[in-house]
Amino acid sequence: GKTEILSARVRKIEKIQTKIGKKKAYRIEIHSKHEGKTIQGGKMLFWFEADDSKLFLKFEAKIKIGRITGEIIDREN
């Protein structure tokens, strides 16, 4: 296998709208140097709730064929 080098940094705290309501979130920027078939190196963004739970809220990433995004839809599952 190959070693994947990632660097992550909290860029800011912001309020975002999710399917579970408006949340105060850490916006984390991740850079990689991956050169795979679908996902290439670049910038990915992740948001985690800015409280003790640090609940994962959403993500965005560029991939070779466009962009991929996802977000929490239910806090129970």
C-alpha atoms as a PDB file:
ATOM      1  CA  GLY A   1       0.000   0.000   0.000  1.00  0.00           C
ATOM      2  CA  LYS A   2       0.848   3.646  -0.201  1.00  0.00           C
ATOM      3  CA  THR A   3       1.138   6.187   2.568  1.00  0.00           C
ATOM      4  CA  GLU A   4      -1.416   8.992   2.362  1.00  0.00           C
ATOM      5  CA  ILE A   5      -0.269  12.373   3.652  1.00  0.00           C
ATOM      6  CA  LEU A   6      -3.049  14.663   4.889  1.00  0.00           C
ATOM      7  CA  SER A   7      -2.868  18.013   6.589  1.00  0.00           C
ATOM      8  CA  ALA A   8      -5.890  19.341   8.467  1.00  0.00           C
ATOM      9  CA  ARG A   9      -6.594  22.768   9.891  1.00  0.00           C
ATOM     10  CA  VAL A  10      -9.619  24.358  11.536  1.00  0.00           C
ATOM     11  CA  ARG A  11     -10.259  27.390   9.332  1.00  0.00           C
ATOM     12  CA  LYS A  12     -13.176  28.957  11.188  1.00  0.00           C
ATOM     13  CA  ILE A  13     -16.295  28.418  13.217  1.00  0.00           C
ATOM     14  CA  GLU A  14     -19.498  29.139  11.304  1.00  0.00           C
ATOM     15  CA  LYS A  15     -23.231  28.518  11.465  1.00  0.00           C
ATOM     16  CA  ILE A  16     -24.495  26.045   8.875  1.00  0.00           C
ATOM     17  CA  GLN A  17     -27.945  24.741   8.003  1.00  0.00           C
ATOM     18  CA  THR A  18     -28.362  20.954   8.124  1.00  0.00           C
ATOM     19  CA  LYS A  19     -31.286  18.562   8.018  1.00  0.00           C
ATOM     20  CA  ILE A  20     -31.092  18.396  11.826  1.00  0.00           C
ATOM     21  CA  GLY A  21     -31.229  22.183  12.169  1.00  0.00           C
ATOM     22  CA  LYS A  22     -28.904  25.172  12.222  1.00  0.00           C
ATOM     23  CA  LYS A  23     -25.612  24.286  13.894  1.00  0.00           C
ATOM     24  CA  LYS A  24     -22.461  26.093  15.007  1.00  0.00           C
ATOM     25  CA  ALA A  25     -19.645  24.138  13.322  1.00  0.00           C
ATOM     26  CA  TYR A  26     -15.895  23.875  12.985  1.00  0.00           C
ATOM     27  CA  ARG A  27     -14.972  24.161   9.299  1.00  0.00           C
ATOM     28  CA  ILE A  28     -11.936  21.944   8.763  1.00  0.00           C
ATOM     29  CA  GLU A  29      -9.875  22.136   5.573  1.00  0.00           C
ATOM     30  CA  ILE A  30      -7.917  19.034   4.606  1.00  0.00           C
ATOM     31  CA  HIS A  31      -5.258  18.898   1.896  1.00  0.00           C
ATOM     32  CA  SER A  32      -3.952  15.681   0.362  1.00  0.00           C
ATOM     33  CA  LYS A  33      -1.548  14.653  -2.362  1.00  0.00           C
ATOM     34  CA  HIS A  34      -3.451  11.510  -3.427  1.00  0.00           C
ATOM     35  CA  GLU A  35      -3.280  10.551  -7.106  1.00  0.00           C
ATOM     36  CA  GLY A  36      -5.884   7.787  -7.368  1.00  0.00           C
ATOM     37  CA  LYS A  37      -8.228   6.926 -10.237  1.00  0.00           C
ATOM     38  CA  THR A  38     -11.239   8.796  -8.838  1.00  0.00           C
ATOM     39  CA  ILE A  39     -10.113  10.960  -5.935  1.00  0.00           C
ATOM     40  CA  GLN A  40      -7.161  13.214  -6.594  1.00  0.00           C
ATOM     41  CA  GLY A  41      -5.132  15.383  -4.297  1.00  0.00           C
ATOM     42  CA  GLY A  42      -6.637  18.668  -3.346  1.00  0.00           C
ATOM     43  CA  LYS A  43      -8.868  20.322  -0.808  1.00  0.00           C
ATOM     44  CA  MET A  44     -11.636  18.648   1.175  1.00  0.00           C
ATOM     45  CA  LEU A  45     -13.896  20.402   3.667  1.00  0.00           C
ATOM     46  CA  PHE A  46     -15.464  18.815   6.741  1.00  0.00           C
ATOM     47  CA  TRP A  47     -17.797  20.369   9.319  1.00  0.00           C
ATOM     48  CA  PHE A  48     -18.109  19.078  12.884  1.00  0.00           C
ATOM     49  CA  GLU A  49     -20.483  20.458  15.504  1.00  0.00           C
ATOM     50  CA  ALA A  50     -18.703  23.024  17.701  1.00  0.00           C
ATOM     51  CA  ASP A  51     -19.736  21.472  21.028  1.00  0.00           C
ATOM     52  CA  ASP A  52     -18.594  18.572  23.210  1.00  0.00           C
ATOM     53  CA  SER A  53     -20.083  15.979  20.807  1.00  0.00           C
ATOM     54  CA  LYS A  54     -17.999  17.091  17.762  1.00  0.00           C
ATOM     55  CA  LEU A  55     -20.752  15.428  15.680  1.00  0.00           C
ATOM     56  CA  PHE A  56     -19.870  15.047  11.985  1.00  0.00           C
ATOM     57  CA  LEU A  57     -22.236  17.323  10.024  1.00  0.00           C
ATOM     58  CA  LYS A  58     -21.165  17.470   6.371  1.00  0.00           C
ATOM     59  CA  PHE A  59     -18.328  17.275   3.841  1.00  0.00           C
ATOM     60  CA  GLU A  60     -17.362  18.495   0.352  1.00  0.00           C
ATOM     61  CA  ALA A  61     -14.569  17.223  -1.899  1.00  0.00           C
ATOM     62  CA  LYS A  62     -13.490  17.586  -5.495  1.00  0.00           C
ATOM     63  CA  ILE A  63     -13.041  14.342  -7.400  1.00  0.00           C
ATOM     64  CA  LYS A  64     -11.836  13.606 -10.922  1.00  0.00           C
ATOM     65  CA  ILE A  65     -15.346  13.617 -12.401  1.00  0.00           C
ATOM     66  CA  GLY A  66     -16.692  16.593 -10.422  1.00  0.00           C
ATOM     67  CA  ARG A  67     -17.590  17.100  -6.789  1.00  0.00           C
ATOM     68  CA  ILE A  68     -18.967  14.943  -3.989  1.00  0.00           C
ATOM     69  CA  THR A  69     -20.890  16.190  -0.953  1.00  0.00           C
ATOM     70  CA  GLY A  70     -22.730  14.661   1.965  1.00  0.00           C
ATOM     71  CA  GLU A  71     -24.421  15.693   5.176  1.00  0.00           C
ATOM     72  CA  ILE A  72     -26.033  14.274   8.283  1.00  0.00           C
ATOM     73  CA  ILE A  73     -29.716  13.447   7.885  1.00  0.00           C
ATOM     74  CA  ASP A  74     -30.542  12.064  11.321  1.00  0.00           C
ATOM     75  CA  ARG A  75     -28.813  12.328  14.682  1.00  0.00           C
ATOM     76  CA  GLU A  76     -30.094   8.904  15.848  1.00  0.00           C
ATOM     77  CA  ASN A  77     -28.545   6.666  13.149  1.00  0.00           C
END
